[in-house]
Amino acid sequence: MHLPEQAKLLRVHILETTKHKGKPVYELIVMKAKELGLAGATVLRGIMGFDLGSKIHSSKMLELSQDLPLVVEIVETQDKINKLMPFLDEIFEGTPHPGLVTIEDIQVIKYKPTQN
């Protein structure tokens, strides 16, 4: 697999407890990206953040420590990211939880996929 020097960074901001049809949204996104043959996906767990409703989510607050902010990052071409977008639309239409999806231009400096 090859990534061009100019690519896109897709970021999906959600909460750890965000679910769609009973399954964690971050897991669904990663599995769909794999199914579509995207270069890779990474889930980052934040230690603190707040959402649109200004509710604080923090690892310091014991009662909220299982509802931390997550970011799913995917670096890929625009064409391949476009294949994932309908799936993201479906997920966010089916959940009451807040979410944010962003895409930005990036420059790939080095990409060396693992050998099977």
C-alpha atoms as a PDB file:
ATOM      1  CA  MET A   1       0.000   0.000   0.000  1.00  0.00           C
ATOM      2  CA  HIS A   2       1.235   3.469  -0.848  1.00  0.00           C
ATOM      3  CA  LEU A   3       0.252   6.847   0.566  1.00  0.00           C
ATOM      4  CA  PRO A   4       0.936   9.929  -1.538  1.00  0.00           C
ATOM      5  CA  GLU A   5       2.893  12.802  -0.064  1.00  0.00           C
ATOM      6  CA  GLN A   6      -0.262  14.926   0.056  1.00  0.00           C
ATOM      7  CA  ALA A   7      -2.998  13.150   2.019  1.00  0.00           C
ATOM      8  CA  LYS A   8      -5.845  13.825   4.437  1.00  0.00           C
ATOM      9  CA  LEU A   9      -6.157  13.416   8.191  1.00  0.00           C
ATOM     10  CA  LEU A  10      -9.611  12.393   9.348  1.00  0.00           C
ATOM     11  CA  ARG A  11     -10.343  12.911  13.038  1.00  0.00           C
ATOM     12  CA  VAL A  12     -13.456  11.684  14.801  1.00  0.00           C
ATOM     13  CA  HIS A  13     -13.969  13.131  18.293  1.00  0.00           C
ATOM     14  CA  ILE A  14     -16.316  11.096  20.487  1.00  0.00           C
ATOM     15  CA  LEU A  15     -16.754   9.911  24.049  1.00  0.00           C
ATOM     16  CA  GLU A  16     -15.569   6.525  25.210  1.00  0.00           C
ATOM     17  CA  THR A  17     -19.132   5.457  26.029  1.00  0.00           C
ATOM     18  CA  THR A  18     -20.590   6.488  22.650  1.00  0.00           C
ATOM     19  CA  LYS A  19     -22.328   3.442  21.203  1.00  0.00           C
ATOM     20  CA  HIS A  20     -24.194   2.591  18.005  1.00  0.00           C
ATOM     21  CA  LYS A  21     -26.477  -0.443  18.097  1.00  0.00           C
ATOM     22  CA  GLY A  22     -24.874  -1.460  21.389  1.00  0.00           C
ATOM     23  CA  LYS A  23     -21.256  -1.409  20.166  1.00  0.00           C
ATOM     24  CA  PRO A  24     -18.533   1.180  20.895  1.00  0.00           C
ATOM     25  CA  VAL A  25     -18.378   3.695  18.028  1.00  0.00           C
ATOM     26  CA  TYR A  26     -14.569   3.865  18.071  1.00  0.00           C
ATOM     27  CA  GLU A  27     -14.417   0.108  17.529  1.00  0.00           C
ATOM     28  CA  LEU A  28     -16.937   0.240  14.688  1.00  0.00           C
ATOM     29  CA  ILE A  29     -14.956   2.977  12.923  1.00  0.00           C
ATOM     30  CA  VAL A  30     -11.667   1.088  13.163  1.00  0.00           C
ATOM     31  CA  MET A  31     -13.226  -2.152  11.914  1.00  0.00           C
ATOM     32  CA  LYS A  32     -14.947  -0.364   8.998  1.00  0.00           C
ATOM     33  CA  ALA A  33     -11.674   1.351   8.047  1.00  0.00           C
ATOM     34  CA  LYS A  34      -9.965  -2.045   8.005  1.00  0.00           C
ATOM     35  CA  GLU A  35     -12.797  -3.547   5.946  1.00  0.00           C
ATOM     36  CA  LEU A  36     -12.470  -0.721   3.384  1.00  0.00           C
ATOM     37  CA  GLY A  37      -8.714  -1.270   3.081  1.00  0.00           C
ATOM     38  CA  LEU A  38      -7.628   2.051   4.569  1.00  0.00           C
ATOM     39  CA  ALA A  39      -3.958   2.439   5.536  1.00  0.00           C
ATOM     40  CA  GLY A  40      -4.642   2.387   9.282  1.00  0.00           C
ATOM     41  CA  ALA A  41      -6.559   3.881  12.179  1.00  0.00           C
ATOM     42  CA  THR A  42      -5.543   4.893  15.689  1.00  0.00           C
ATOM     43  CA  VAL A  43      -7.748   5.542  18.721  1.00  0.00           C
ATOM     44  CA  LEU A  44      -6.349   8.099  21.165  1.00  0.00           C
ATOM     45  CA  ARG A  45      -7.772   8.324  24.693  1.00  0.00           C
ATOM     46  CA  GLY A  46      -7.777  11.758  26.265  1.00  0.00           C
ATOM     47  CA  ILE A  47      -7.291  12.356  29.965  1.00  0.00           C
ATOM     48  CA  MET A  48      -9.539  15.417  30.035  1.00  0.00           C
ATOM     49  CA  GLY A  49     -11.893  17.385  27.825  1.00  0.00           C
ATOM     50  CA  PHE A  50     -15.336  18.935  27.614  1.00  0.00           C
ATOM     51  CA  ASP A  51     -18.154  18.571  25.157  1.00  0.00           C
ATOM     52  CA  LEU A  52     -20.623  20.905  23.473  1.00  0.00           C
ATOM     53  CA  GLY A  53     -22.711  20.982  26.644  1.00  0.00           C
ATOM     54  CA  SER A  54     -19.616  22.061  28.627  1.00  0.00           C
ATOM     55  CA  LYS A  55     -19.654  18.824  30.611  1.00  0.00           C
ATOM     56  CA  ILE A  56     -16.135  18.023  31.843  1.00  0.00           C
ATOM     57  CA  HIS A  57     -14.841  14.508  31.169  1.00  0.00           C
ATOM     58  CA  SER A  58     -11.713  13.732  33.191  1.00  0.00           C
ATOM     59  CA  SER A  59      -9.701  10.775  34.434  1.00  0.00           C
ATOM     60  CA  LYS A  60      -9.385  12.654  37.747  1.00  0.00           C
ATOM     61  CA  MET A  61     -13.108  12.440  38.398  1.00  0.00           C
ATOM     62  CA  LEU A  62     -13.686   8.827  39.439  1.00  0.00           C
ATOM     63  CA  GLU A  63     -17.364   8.777  38.512  1.00  0.00           C
ATOM     64  CA  LEU A  64     -16.615   9.975  34.955  1.00  0.00           C
ATOM     65  CA  SER A  65     -13.379   8.061  34.354  1.00  0.00           C
ATOM     66  CA  GLN A  66     -15.108   5.611  32.015  1.00  0.00           C
ATOM     67  CA  ASP A  67     -16.472   8.397  29.783  1.00  0.00           C
ATOM     68  CA  LEU A  68     -13.254   9.970  28.567  1.00  0.00           C
ATOM     69  CA  PRO A  69     -12.805  11.786  25.255  1.00  0.00           C
ATOM     70  CA  LEU A  70     -11.511   9.720  22.333  1.00  0.00           C
ATOM     71  CA  VAL A  71     -10.122  10.715  18.953  1.00  0.00           C
ATOM     72  CA  VAL A  72     -10.001   8.250  16.070  1.00  0.00           C
ATOM     73  CA  GLU A  73      -7.350   9.322  13.545  1.00  0.00           C
ATOM     74  CA  ILE A  74      -7.028   8.029   9.998  1.00  0.00           C
ATOM     75  CA  VAL A  75      -4.451   9.176   7.428  1.00  0.00           C
ATOM     76  CA  GLU A  76      -5.513   8.330   3.899  1.00  0.00           C
ATOM     77  CA  THR A  77      -6.314   9.691   0.432  1.00  0.00           C
ATOM     78  CA  GLN A  78      -9.462  11.753  -0.052  1.00  0.00           C
ATOM     79  CA  ASP A  79     -10.993   9.006  -2.220  1.00  0.00           C
ATOM     80  CA  LYS A  80     -10.652   6.370   0.487  1.00  0.00           C
ATOM     81  CA  ILE A  81     -11.869   8.714   3.219  1.00  0.00           C
ATOM     82  CA  ASN A  82     -14.908   9.456   1.047  1.00  0.00           C
ATOM     83  CA  LYS A  83     -15.747   5.734   1.161  1.00  0.00           C
ATOM     84  CA  LEU A  84     -15.892   5.905   4.963  1.00  0.00           C
ATOM     85  CA  MET A  85     -18.053   9.039   5.196  1.00  0.00           C
ATOM     86  CA  PRO A  86     -21.473   7.386   4.604  1.00  0.00           C
ATOM     87  CA  PHE A  87     -20.696   4.989   7.461  1.00  0.00           C
ATOM     88  CA  LEU A  88     -19.855   7.909   9.779  1.00  0.00           C
ATOM     89  CA  ASP A  89     -23.084   9.644   8.749  1.00  0.00           C
ATOM     90  CA  GLU A  90     -25.037   6.508   9.638  1.00  0.00           C
ATOM     91  CA  ILE A  91     -23.362   6.192  13.038  1.00  0.00           C
ATOM     92  CA  PHE A  92     -23.923   9.806  14.043  1.00  0.00           C
ATOM     93  CA  GLU A  93     -27.539   9.820  12.884  1.00  0.00           C
ATOM     94  CA  GLY A  94     -28.151   6.809  15.122  1.00  0.00           C
ATOM     95  CA  THR A  95     -26.642   8.080  18.371  1.00  0.00           C
ATOM     96  CA  PRO A  96     -27.740  10.847  20.737  1.00  0.00           C
ATOM     97  CA  HIS A  97     -24.145  11.466  21.874  1.00  0.00           C
ATOM     98  CA  PRO A  98     -22.140  14.412  20.568  1.00  0.00           C
ATOM     99  CA  GLY A  99     -19.430  13.876  18.001  1.00  0.00           C
ATOM    100  CA  LEU A 100     -17.195  15.916  15.731  1.00  0.00           C
ATOM    101  CA  VAL A 101     -15.629  14.842  12.433  1.00  0.00           C
ATOM    102  CA  THR A 102     -12.864  16.900  10.828  1.00  0.00           C
ATOM    103  CA  ILE A 103     -10.665  16.493   7.757  1.00  0.00           C
ATOM    104  CA  GLU A 104      -7.485  18.420   7.106  1.00  0.00           C
ATOM    105  CA  ASP A 105      -4.726  18.454   4.514  1.00  0.00           C
ATOM    106  CA  ILE A 106      -1.461  16.903   5.653  1.00  0.00           C
ATOM    107  CA  GLN A 107       1.946  16.099   4.214  1.00  0.00           C
ATOM    108  CA  VAL A 108       3.103  12.490   4.647  1.00  0.00           C
ATOM    109  CA  ILE A 109       6.833  12.495   5.398  1.00  0.00           C
ATOM    110  CA  LYS A 110       7.377   8.750   5.717  1.00  0.00           C
ATOM    111  CA  TYR A 111       5.057   5.761   5.515  1.00  0.00           C
ATOM    112  CA  LYS A 112       6.295   2.208   5.788  1.00  0.00           C
ATOM    113  CA  PRO A 113       3.541  -0.354   6.177  1.00  0.00           C
ATOM    114  CA  THR A 114       4.164  -3.587   8.066  1.00  0.00           C
ATOM    115  CA  GLN A 115       5.012  -6.661   6.046  1.00  0.00           C
ATOM    116  CA  ASN A 116       2.667  -9.636   6.408  1.00  0.00           C
END
